[in-house]
PDB file of N, CA and C in Angstrom:
ATOM      1  N   MET A   1      79.980 155.418  96.553  1.00  0.00           N
ATOM      2  CA  MET A   1      79.835 156.052  97.843  1.00  0.00           C
ATOM      3  C   MET A   1      79.142 155.098  98.821  1.00  0.00           C
ATOM      4  N   PRO A   2      79.613 155.049 100.035  1.00  0.00           N
ATOM      5  CA  PRO A   2      78.930 154.223 101.029  1.00  0.00           C
ATOM      6  C   PRO A   2      77.512 154.734 101.268  1.00  0.00           C
ATOM      7  N   GLU A   3      76.622 153.808 101.452  1.00  0.00           N
ATOM      8  CA  GLU A   3      75.238 154.136 101.775  1.00  0.00           C
ATOM      9  C   GLU A   3      74.921 153.431 103.083  1.00  0.00           C
ATOM     10  N   ILE A   4      74.842 154.197 104.159  1.00  0.00           N
ATOM     11  CA  ILE A   4      74.679 153.612 105.487  1.00  0.00           C
ATOM     12  C   ILE A   4      73.261 153.872 105.970  1.00  0.00           C
ATOM     13  N   ARG A   5      72.439 152.828 105.850  1.00  0.00           N
ATOM     14  CA  ARG A   5      71.039 152.884 106.279  1.00  0.00           C
ATOM     15  C   ARG A   5      70.666 151.531 106.868  1.00  0.00           C
ATOM     16  N   PRO A   6      69.822 151.522 107.896  1.00  0.00           N
ATOM     17  CA  PRO A   6      69.423 150.233 108.481  1.00  0.00           C
ATOM     18  C   PRO A   6      68.677 149.326 107.508  1.00  0.00           C
ATOM     19  N   ASP A   7      68.018 149.901 106.505  1.00  0.00           N
ATOM     20  CA  ASP A   7      67.217 149.081 105.598  1.00  0.00           C
ATOM     21  C   ASP A   7      67.955 148.653 104.330  1.00  0.00           C
ATOM     22  N   ASN A   8      69.249 148.971 104.199  1.00  0.00           N
ATOM     23  CA  ASN A   8      69.932 148.508 102.989  1.00  0.00           C
ATOM     24  C   ASN A   8      70.258 147.022 103.128  1.00  0.00           C
ATOM     25  N   LYS A   9      70.459 146.390 102.033  1.00  0.00           N
ATOM     26  CA  LYS A   9      70.676 144.939 102.013  1.00  0.00           C
ATOM     27  C   LYS A   9      72.137 144.577 101.765  1.00  0.00           C
ATOM     28  N   PHE A  10      73.030 145.544 101.880  1.00  0.00           N
ATOM     29  CA  PHE A  10      74.440 145.285 101.616  1.00  0.00           C
ATOM     30  C   PHE A  10      75.067 144.434 102.711  1.00  0.00           C
ATOM     31  N   VAL A  11      76.062 143.669 102.330  1.00  0.00           N
ATOM     32  CA  VAL A  11      76.914 142.979 103.286  1.00  0.00           C
ATOM     33  C   VAL A  11      77.997 143.982 103.673  1.00  0.00           C
ATOM     34  N   ILE A  12      78.231 144.123 104.961  1.00  0.00           N
ATOM     35  CA  ILE A  12      79.219 145.083 105.447  1.00  0.00           C
ATOM     36  C   ILE A  12      80.336 144.329 106.143  1.00  0.00           C
ATOM     37  N   GLN A  13      81.545 144.600 105.699  1.00  0.00           N
ATOM     38  CA  GLN A  13      82.724 144.052 106.363  1.00  0.00           C
ATOM     39  C   GLN A  13      83.542 145.228 106.874  1.00  0.00           C
ATOM     40  N   ILE A  14      83.851 145.194 108.149  1.00  0.00           N
ATOM     41  CA  ILE A  14      84.732 146.197 108.730  1.00  0.00           C
ATOM     42  C   ILE A  14      85.980 145.459 109.187  1.00  0.00           C
ATOM     43  N   THR A  15      87.113 145.897 108.648  1.00  0.00           N
ATOM     44  CA  THR A  15      88.389 145.286 108.988  1.00  0.00           C
ATOM     45  C   THR A  15      89.227 146.302 109.735  1.00  0.00           C
ATOM     46  N   THR A  16      89.730 145.914 110.891  1.00  0.00           N
ATOM     47  CA  THR A  16      90.669 146.755 111.617  1.00  0.00           C
ATOM     48  C   THR A  16      92.048 146.133 111.483  1.00  0.00           C
ATOM     49  N   ALA A  17      93.024 146.983 111.245  1.00  0.00           N
ATOM     50  CA  ALA A  17      94.402 146.514 111.094  1.00  0.00           C
ATOM     51  C   ALA A  17      95.304 147.409 111.914  1.00  0.00           C
ATOM     52  N   GLU A  18      96.311 146.804 112.495  1.00  0.00           N
ATOM     53  CA  GLU A  18      97.309 147.575 113.236  1.00  0.00           C
ATOM     54  C   GLU A  18      98.657 147.358 112.583  1.00  0.00           C
ATOM     55  N   ALA A  19      99.243 148.442 112.105  1.00  0.00           N
ATOM     56  CA  ALA A  19     100.536 148.375 111.430  1.00  0.00           C
ATOM     57  C   ALA A  19     101.659 148.248 112.452  1.00  0.00           C
ATOM     58  N   GLU A  20     102.734 147.635 112.015  1.00  0.00           N
ATOM     59  CA  GLU A  20     103.942 147.641 112.835  1.00  0.00           C
ATOM     60  C   GLU A  20     104.409 149.089 112.970  1.00  0.00           C
ATOM     61  N   GLU A  21     105.149 149.366 114.005  1.00  0.00           N
ATOM     62  CA  GLU A  21     105.645 150.721 114.275  1.00  0.00           C
ATOM     63  C   GLU A  21     106.288 151.314 113.021  1.00  0.00           C
ATOM     64  N   GLY A  22     105.825 152.510 112.620  1.00  0.00           N
ATOM     65  CA  GLY A  22     106.397 153.220 111.480  1.00  0.00           C
ATOM     66  C   GLY A  22     105.961 152.703 110.117  1.00  0.00           C
ATOM     67  N   LYS A  23     105.009 151.784 110.067  1.00  0.00           N
ATOM     68  CA  LYS A  23     104.623 151.187 108.787  1.00  0.00           C
ATOM     69  C   LYS A  23     103.163 151.439 108.400  1.00  0.00           C
ATOM     70  N   GLN A  24     102.521 152.418 109.033  1.00  0.00           N
ATOM     71  CA  GLN A  24     101.127 152.695 108.712  1.00  0.00           C
ATOM     72  C   GLN A  24     100.970 153.105 107.244  1.00  0.00           C
ATOM     73  N   ASP A  25     101.844 153.974 106.741  1.00  0.00           N
ATOM     74  CA  ASP A  25     101.742 154.415 105.349  1.00  0.00           C
ATOM     75  C   ASP A  25     101.911 153.245 104.382  1.00  0.00           C
ATOM     76  N   GLN A  26     102.827 152.351 104.693  1.00  0.00           N
ATOM     77  CA  GLN A  26     103.055 151.178 103.843  1.00  0.00           C
ATOM     78  C   GLN A  26     101.820 150.264 103.849  1.00  0.00           C
ATOM     79  N   LEU A  27     101.246 150.044 105.023  1.00  0.00           N
ATOM     80  CA  LEU A  27     100.048 149.220 105.120  1.00  0.00           C
ATOM     81  C   LEU A  27      98.889 149.887 104.383  1.00  0.00           C
ATOM     82  N   LEU A  28      98.732 151.194 104.536  1.00  0.00           N
ATOM     83  CA  LEU A  28      97.667 151.914 103.851  1.00  0.00           C
ATOM     84  C   LEU A  28      97.836 151.815 102.332  1.00  0.00           C
ATOM     85  N   ALA A  29      99.061 151.903 101.844  1.00  0.00           N
ATOM     86  CA  ALA A  29      99.313 151.774 100.403  1.00  0.00           C
ATOM     87  C   ALA A  29      98.902 150.389  99.895  1.00  0.00           C
ATOM     88  N   LEU A  30      99.232 149.347 100.640  1.00  0.00           N
ATOM     89  CA  LEU A  30      98.836 147.988 100.250  1.00  0.00           C
ATOM     90  C   LEU A  30      97.324 147.829 100.266  1.00  0.00           C
ATOM     91  N   MET A  31      96.683 148.355 101.295  1.00  0.00           N
ATOM     92  CA  MET A  31      95.236 148.242 101.401  1.00  0.00           C
ATOM     93  C   MET A  31      94.534 149.080 100.326  1.00  0.00           C
ATOM     94  N   THR A  32      95.120 150.200  99.938  1.00  0.00           N
ATOM     95  CA  THR A  32      94.566 151.025  98.864  1.00  0.00           C
ATOM     96  C   THR A  32      94.665 150.292  97.535  1.00  0.00           C
ATOM     97  N   GLU A  33      95.794 149.670  97.279  1.00  0.00           N
ATOM     98  CA  GLU A  33      95.972 148.876  96.057  1.00  0.00           C
ATOM     99  C   GLU A  33      94.952 147.743  96.013  1.00  0.00           C
ATOM    100  N   ARG A  34      94.771 147.085  97.126  1.00  0.00           N
ATOM    101  CA  ARG A  34      93.799 145.998  97.217  1.00  0.00           C
ATOM    102  C   ARG A  34      92.378 146.525  97.012  1.00  0.00           C
ATOM    103  N   ALA A  35      92.069 147.707  97.562  1.00  0.00           N
ATOM    104  CA  ALA A  35      90.738 148.303  97.395  1.00  0.00           C
ATOM    105  C   ALA A  35      90.459 148.584  95.920  1.00  0.00           C
ATOM    106  N   ARG A  36      91.444 149.056  95.196  1.00  0.00           N
ATOM    107  CA  ARG A  36      91.265 149.329  93.763  1.00  0.00           C
ATOM    108  C   ARG A  36      90.986 148.042  92.991  1.00  0.00           C
ATOM    109  N   PHE A  37      91.638 146.960  93.374  1.00  0.00           N
ATOM    110  CA  PHE A  37      91.370 145.666  92.759  1.00  0.00           C
ATOM    111  C   PHE A  37      89.941 145.218  93.079  1.00  0.00           C
ATOM    112  N   MET A  38      89.561 145.308  94.353  1.00  0.00           N
ATOM    113  CA  MET A  38      88.238 144.860  94.774  1.00  0.00           C
ATOM    114  C   MET A  38      87.130 145.671  94.097  1.00  0.00           C
ATOM    115  N   ALA A  39      87.378 146.939  93.807  1.00  0.00           N
ATOM    116  CA  ALA A  39      86.383 147.792  93.175  1.00  0.00           C
ATOM    117  C   ALA A  39      85.992 147.306  91.785  1.00  0.00           C
ATOM    118  N   ARG A  40      86.801 146.441  91.191  1.00  0.00           N
ATOM    119  CA  ARG A  40      86.507 145.891  89.864  1.00  0.00           C
ATOM    120  C   ARG A  40      85.828 144.524  89.926  1.00  0.00           C
ATOM    121  N   GLN A  41      85.543 144.023  91.122  1.00  0.00           N
ATOM    122  CA  GLN A  41      84.968 142.692  91.280  1.00  0.00           C
ATOM    123  C   GLN A  41      83.437 142.748  91.304  1.00  0.00           C
ATOM    124  N   PRO A  42      82.792 141.661  90.839  1.00  0.00           N
ATOM    125  CA  PRO A  42      81.319 141.628  90.856  1.00  0.00           C
ATOM    126  C   PRO A  42      80.763 141.790  92.270  1.00  0.00           C
ATOM    127  N   GLY A  43      79.742 142.623  92.390  1.00  0.00           N
ATOM    128  CA  GLY A  43      79.074 142.833  93.666  1.00  0.00           C
ATOM    129  C   GLY A  43      79.631 143.991  94.479  1.00  0.00           C
ATOM    130  N   PHE A  44      80.714 144.601  94.007  1.00  0.00           N
ATOM    131  CA  PHE A  44      81.319 145.716  94.735  1.00  0.00           C
ATOM    132  C   PHE A  44      80.336 146.879  94.856  1.00  0.00           C
ATOM    133  N   VAL A  45      80.256 147.478  96.047  1.00  0.00           N
ATOM    134  CA  VAL A  45      79.458 148.683  96.273  1.00  0.00           C
ATOM    135  C   VAL A  45      80.387 149.832  96.666  1.00  0.00           C
ATOM    136  N   SER A  46      81.169 149.652  97.742  1.00  0.00           N
ATOM    137  CA  SER A  46      82.080 150.721  98.161  1.00  0.00           C
ATOM    138  C   SER A  46      83.132 150.190  99.126  1.00  0.00           C
ATOM    139  N   ILE A  47      84.244 150.911  99.182  1.00  0.00           N
ATOM    140  CA  ILE A  47      85.293 150.666 100.178  1.00  0.00           C
ATOM    141  C   ILE A  47      85.768 152.031 100.664  1.00  0.00           C
ATOM    142  N   SER A  48      85.876 152.177 101.981  1.00  0.00           N
ATOM    143  CA  SER A  48      86.396 153.404 102.589  1.00  0.00           C
ATOM    144  C   SER A  48      87.516 153.014 103.540  1.00  0.00           C
ATOM    145  N   LEU A  49      88.682 153.611 103.348  1.00  0.00           N
ATOM    146  CA  LEU A  49      89.811 153.367 104.242  1.00  0.00           C
ATOM    147  C   LEU A  49      89.986 154.568 105.166  1.00  0.00           C
ATOM    148  N   HIS A  50      90.222 154.292 106.446  1.00  0.00           N
ATOM    149  CA  HIS A  50      90.371 155.327 107.465  1.00  0.00           C
ATOM    150  C   HIS A  50      91.707 155.129 108.165  1.00  0.00           C
ATOM    151  N   ARG A  51      92.517 156.182 108.202  1.00  0.00           N
ATOM    152  CA  ARG A  51      93.829 156.143 108.857  1.00  0.00           C
ATOM    153  C   ARG A  51      93.679 156.626 110.294  1.00  0.00           C
ATOM    154  N   GLY A  52      94.132 155.815 111.241  1.00  0.00           N
ATOM    155  CA  GLY A  52      94.086 156.206 112.641  1.00  0.00           C
ATOM    156  C   GLY A  52      95.093 157.307 112.939  1.00  0.00           C
ATOM    157  N   LEU A  53      94.698 158.257 113.760  1.00  0.00           N
ATOM    158  CA  LEU A  53      95.594 159.348 114.127  1.00  0.00           C
ATOM    159  C   LEU A  53      96.689 158.894 115.081  1.00  0.00           C
ATOM    160  N   ASP A  54      96.605 157.638 115.546  1.00  0.00           N
ATOM    161  CA  ASP A  54      97.636 157.081 116.420  1.00  0.00           C
ATOM    162  C   ASP A  54      98.877 156.641 115.646  1.00  0.00           C
ATOM    163  N   GLY A  55      98.819 156.709 114.300  1.00  0.00           N
ATOM    164  CA  GLY A  55      99.968 156.327 113.487  1.00  0.00           C
ATOM    165  C   GLY A  55     100.112 154.830 113.267  1.00  0.00           C
ATOM    166  N   ARG A  56      99.129 154.045 113.695  1.00  0.00           N
ATOM    167  CA  ARG A  56      99.236 152.589 113.582  1.00  0.00           C
ATOM    168  C   ARG A  56      98.002 151.933 112.969  1.00  0.00           C
ATOM    169  N   ARG A  57      96.826 152.378 113.335  1.00  0.00           N
ATOM    170  CA  ARG A  57      95.602 151.655 112.943  1.00  0.00           C
ATOM    171  C   ARG A  57      95.038 152.132 111.610  1.00  0.00           C
ATOM    172  N   ILE A  58      94.368 151.187 110.938  1.00  0.00           N
ATOM    173  CA  ILE A  58      93.615 151.472 109.727  1.00  0.00           C
ATOM    174  C   ILE A  58      92.292 150.721 109.845  1.00  0.00           C
ATOM    175  N   VAL A  59      91.212 151.377 109.472  1.00  0.00           N
ATOM    176  CA  VAL A  59      89.900 150.746 109.433  1.00  0.00           C
ATOM    177  C   VAL A  59      89.445 150.740 107.979  1.00  0.00           C
ATOM    178  N   ASN A  60      88.991 149.587 107.532  1.00  0.00           N
ATOM    179  CA  ASN A  60      88.512 149.392 106.170  1.00  0.00           C
ATOM    180  C   ASN A  60      87.022 149.069 106.246  1.00  0.00           C
ATOM    181  N   TYR A  61      86.179 149.952 105.692  1.00  0.00           N
ATOM    182  CA  TYR A  61      84.727 149.777 105.700  1.00  0.00           C
ATOM    183  C   TYR A  61      84.306 149.382 104.289  1.00  0.00           C
ATOM    184  N   VAL A  62      83.777 148.174 104.131  1.00  0.00           N
ATOM    185  CA  VAL A  62      83.447 147.603 102.824  1.00  0.00           C
ATOM    186  C   VAL A  62      81.947 147.337 102.748  1.00  0.00           C
ATOM    187  N   GLN A  63      81.352 147.664 101.603  1.00  0.00           N
ATOM    188  CA  GLN A  63      79.968 147.285 101.329  1.00  0.00           C
ATOM    189  C   GLN A  63      79.946 146.461 100.044  1.00  0.00           C
ATOM    190  N   TRP A  64      79.232 145.341 100.097  1.00  0.00           N
ATOM    191  CA  TRP A  64      79.163 144.409  98.969  1.00  0.00           C
ATOM    192  C   TRP A  64      77.708 144.019  98.741  1.00  0.00           C
ATOM    193  N   ALA A  65      77.360 143.678  97.524  1.00  0.00           N
ATOM    194  CA  ALA A  65      75.979 143.333  97.192  1.00  0.00           C
ATOM    195  C   ALA A  65      75.538 142.029  97.855  1.00  0.00           C
ATOM    196  N   SER A  66      76.448 141.059  97.982  1.00  0.00           N
ATOM    197  CA  SER A  66      76.074 139.788  98.609  1.00  0.00           C
ATOM    198  C   SER A  66      77.295 139.165  99.277  1.00  0.00           C
ATOM    199  N   ARG A  67      77.024 138.351 100.265  1.00  0.00           N
ATOM    200  CA  ARG A  67      78.093 137.654 100.979  1.00  0.00           C
ATOM    201  C   ARG A  67      78.853 136.714 100.042  1.00  0.00           C
ATOM    202  N   GLU A  68      78.128 136.048  99.148  1.00  0.00           N
ATOM    203  CA  GLU A  68      78.761 135.111  98.214  1.00  0.00           C
ATOM    204  C   GLU A  68      79.734 135.824  97.278  1.00  0.00           C
ATOM    205  N   GLN A  69      79.348 137.006  96.796  1.00  0.00           N
ATOM    206  CA  GLN A  69      80.240 137.758  95.914  1.00  0.00           C
ATOM    207  C   GLN A  69      81.457 138.291  96.666  1.00  0.00           C
ATOM    208  N   LEU A  70      81.283 138.679  97.910  1.00  0.00           N
ATOM    209  CA  LEU A  70      82.413 139.134  98.724  1.00  0.00           C
ATOM    210  C   LEU A  70      83.390 137.984  98.950  1.00  0.00           C
ATOM    211  N   ILE A  71      82.872 136.816  99.280  1.00  0.00           N
ATOM    212  CA  ILE A  71      83.726 135.640  99.480  1.00  0.00           C
ATOM    213  C   ILE A  71      84.461 135.303  98.191  1.00  0.00           C
ATOM    214  N   ALA A  72      83.754 135.328  97.062  1.00  0.00           N
ATOM    215  CA  ALA A  72      84.383 135.026  95.773  1.00  0.00           C
ATOM    216  C   ALA A  72      85.517 136.002  95.468  1.00  0.00           C
ATOM    217  N   ALA A  73      85.312 137.288  95.756  1.00  0.00           N
ATOM    218  CA  ALA A  73      86.360 138.290  95.520  1.00  0.00           C
ATOM    219  C   ALA A  73      87.584 138.022  96.389  1.00  0.00           C
ATOM    220  N   HIS A  74      87.357 137.601  97.627  1.00  0.00           N
ATOM    221  CA  HIS A  74      88.473 137.295  98.532  1.00  0.00           C
ATOM    222  C   HIS A  74      89.241 136.052  98.117  1.00  0.00           C
ATOM    223  N   HIS A  75      88.629 135.202  97.305  1.00  0.00           N
ATOM    224  CA  HIS A  75      89.286 133.959  96.909  1.00  0.00           C
ATOM    225  C   HIS A  75      89.891 133.999  95.510  1.00  0.00           C
ATOM    226  N   THR A  76      89.908 135.159  94.875  1.00  0.00           N
ATOM    227  CA  THR A  76      90.560 135.255  93.568  1.00  0.00           C
ATOM    228  C   THR A  76      92.074 135.125  93.760  1.00  0.00           C
ATOM    229  N   PRO A  77      92.773 134.554  92.779  1.00  0.00           N
ATOM    230  CA  PRO A  77      94.237 134.418  92.898  1.00  0.00           C
ATOM    231  C   PRO A  77      94.941 135.755  93.119  1.00  0.00           C
ATOM    232  N   GLU A  78      94.470 136.816  92.451  1.00  0.00           N
ATOM    233  CA  GLU A  78      95.113 138.131  92.593  1.00  0.00           C
ATOM    234  C   GLU A  78      94.997 138.648  94.023  1.00  0.00           C
ATOM    235  N   PHE A  79      93.810 138.489  94.628  1.00  0.00           N
ATOM    236  CA  PHE A  79      93.630 138.933  96.002  1.00  0.00           C
ATOM    237  C   PHE A  79      94.517 138.133  96.939  1.00  0.00           C
ATOM    238  N   ARG A  80      94.521 136.818  96.794  1.00  0.00           N
ATOM    239  CA  ARG A  80      95.308 135.946  97.678  1.00  0.00           C
ATOM    240  C   ARG A  80      96.792 136.282  97.598  1.00  0.00           C
ATOM    241  N   GLN A  81      97.278 136.569  96.401  1.00  0.00           N
ATOM    242  CA  GLN A  81      98.693 136.901  96.223  1.00  0.00           C
ATOM    243  C   GLN A  81      99.058 138.187  96.967  1.00  0.00           C
ATOM    244  N   LYS A  82      98.244 139.204  96.826  1.00  0.00           N
ATOM    245  CA  LYS A  82      98.521 140.489  97.480  1.00  0.00           C
ATOM    246  C   LYS A  82      98.304 140.428  98.992  1.00  0.00           C
ATOM    247  N   TRP A  83      97.356 139.613  99.452  1.00  0.00           N
ATOM    248  CA  TRP A  83      97.018 139.546 100.866  1.00  0.00           C
ATOM    249  C   TRP A  83      98.225 139.159 101.714  1.00  0.00           C
ATOM    250  N   SER A  84      99.066 138.279 101.211  1.00  0.00           N
ATOM    251  CA  SER A  84     100.224 137.830 101.994  1.00  0.00           C
ATOM    252  C   SER A  84     101.182 138.981 102.308  1.00  0.00           C
ATOM    253  N   GLN A  85     101.211 140.012 101.462  1.00  0.00           N
ATOM    254  CA  GLN A  85     102.098 141.159 101.700  1.00  0.00           C
ATOM    255  C   GLN A  85     101.652 141.976 102.909  1.00  0.00           C
ATOM    256  N   VAL A  86     100.369 141.958 103.206  1.00  0.00           N
ATOM    257  CA  VAL A  86      99.847 142.727 104.340  1.00  0.00           C
ATOM    258  C   VAL A  86     100.459 142.227 105.649  1.00  0.00           C
ATOM    259  N   GLY A  87     100.664 140.930 105.759  1.00  0.00           N
ATOM    260  CA  GLY A  87     101.259 140.347 106.960  1.00  0.00           C
ATOM    261  C   GLY A  87     102.670 140.819 107.234  1.00  0.00           C
ATOM    262  N   ASN A  88     103.339 141.364 106.220  1.00  0.00           N
ATOM    263  CA  ASN A  88     104.705 141.852 106.399  1.00  0.00           C
ATOM    264  C   ASN A  88     104.770 143.202 107.110  1.00  0.00           C
ATOM    265  N   VAL A  89     103.651 143.923 107.171  1.00  0.00           N
ATOM    266  CA  VAL A  89     103.651 145.251 107.783  1.00  0.00           C
ATOM    267  C   VAL A  89     102.584 145.417 108.866  1.00  0.00           C
ATOM    268  N   SER A  90     101.773 144.386 109.075  1.00  0.00           N
ATOM    269  CA  SER A  90     100.698 144.475 110.046  1.00  0.00           C
ATOM    270  C   SER A  90     100.888 143.463 111.164  1.00  0.00           C
ATOM    271  N   GLU A  91     100.720 143.933 112.399  1.00  0.00           N
ATOM    272  CA  GLU A  91     100.811 143.044 113.553  1.00  0.00           C
ATOM    273  C   GLU A  91      99.506 142.302 113.771  1.00  0.00           C
ATOM    274  N   GLU A  92      98.393 142.941 113.398  1.00  0.00           N
ATOM    275  CA  GLU A  92      97.081 142.365 113.655  1.00  0.00           C
ATOM    276  C   GLU A  92      96.107 142.874 112.606  1.00  0.00           C
ATOM    277  N   ILE A  93      95.319 141.959 112.047  1.00  0.00           N
ATOM    278  CA  ILE A  93      94.277 142.349 111.108  1.00  0.00           C
ATOM    279  C   ILE A  93      93.048 141.503 111.393  1.00  0.00           C
ATOM    280  N   GLU A  94      91.908 142.171 111.531  1.00  0.00           N
ATOM    281  CA  GLU A  94      90.708 141.464 111.961  1.00  0.00           C
ATOM    282  C   GLU A  94      89.495 141.900 111.132  1.00  0.00           C
ATOM    283  N   PRO A  95      89.062 141.063 110.163  1.00  0.00           N
ATOM    284  CA  PRO A  95      87.840 141.358 109.416  1.00  0.00           C
ATOM    285  C   PRO A  95      86.615 140.731 110.090  1.00  0.00           C
ATOM    286  N   ASN A  96      85.512 141.462 110.101  1.00  0.00           N
ATOM    287  CA  ASN A  96      84.251 140.950 110.643  1.00  0.00           C
ATOM    288  C   ASN A  96      83.095 141.474 109.807  1.00  0.00           C
ATOM    289  N   LEU A  97      82.004 140.702 109.740  1.00  0.00           N
ATOM    290  CA  LEU A  97      80.802 141.123 109.031  1.00  0.00           C
ATOM    291  C   LEU A  97      79.828 141.774 110.008  1.00  0.00           C
ATOM    292  N   TYR A  98      79.105 142.807 109.510  1.00  0.00           N
ATOM    293  CA  TYR A  98      78.189 143.570 110.339  1.00  0.00           C
ATOM    294  C   TYR A  98      76.908 143.864 109.572  1.00  0.00           C
ATOM    295  N   GLU A  99      75.896 144.317 110.307  1.00  0.00           N
ATOM    296  CA  GLU A  99      74.696 144.902 109.701  1.00  0.00           C
ATOM    297  C   GLU A  99      74.460 146.242 110.380  1.00  0.00           C
ATOM    298  N   VAL A 100      73.884 147.172 109.647  1.00  0.00           N
ATOM    299  CA  VAL A 100      73.588 148.491 110.213  1.00  0.00           C
ATOM    300  C   VAL A 100      72.419 148.341 111.176  1.00  0.00           C
ATOM    301  N   ALA A 101      72.596 148.754 112.398  1.00  0.00           N
ATOM    302  CA  ALA A 101      71.563 148.633 113.418  1.00  0.00           C
ATOM    303  C   ALA A 101      70.835 149.951 113.665  1.00  0.00           C
ATOM    304  N   HIS A 102      71.546 151.078 113.499  1.00  0.00           N
ATOM    305  CA  HIS A 102      70.942 152.376 113.778  1.00  0.00           C
ATOM    306  C   HIS A 102      71.784 153.465 113.123  1.00  0.00           C
ATOM    307  N   VAL A 103      71.112 154.460 112.560  1.00  0.00           N
ATOM    308  CA  VAL A 103      71.789 155.623 111.979  1.00  0.00           C
ATOM    309  C   VAL A 103      71.065 156.863 112.493  1.00  0.00           C
ATOM    310  N   GLU A 104      71.815 157.829 112.931  1.00  0.00           N
ATOM    311  CA  GLU A 104      71.270 159.098 113.406  1.00  0.00           C
ATOM    312  C   GLU A 104      71.871 160.218 112.567  1.00  0.00           C
ATOM    313  N   GLY A 105      71.048 161.110 112.068  1.00  0.00           N
ATOM    314  CA  GLY A 105      71.576 162.268 111.343  1.00  0.00           C
ATOM    315  C   GLY A 105      71.468 162.199 109.855  1.00  0.00           C
TER     316      GLY A 105
END
């Protein structure tokens, strides 16, 4: 489960992706398969996928124990092989690292 607190030490990656017209479900399926793979990698904490109601966007919220372990997971041969398939259904994909600045509630 994601743990969103300003004092946690997790590395947070939020990736936004925009599917080609009519391909949101296909992109979500690929990202779900990739999330299941990542969940077995060292340092994994959580992954949450969010489907945009616009029928195109997907947001991937990832928490990892360390930046080094996240980078290592992204560089495994299995991840690299599957990653190329995402480009076949996505017009734009943008991963960025974040830190929790404020939580209310």
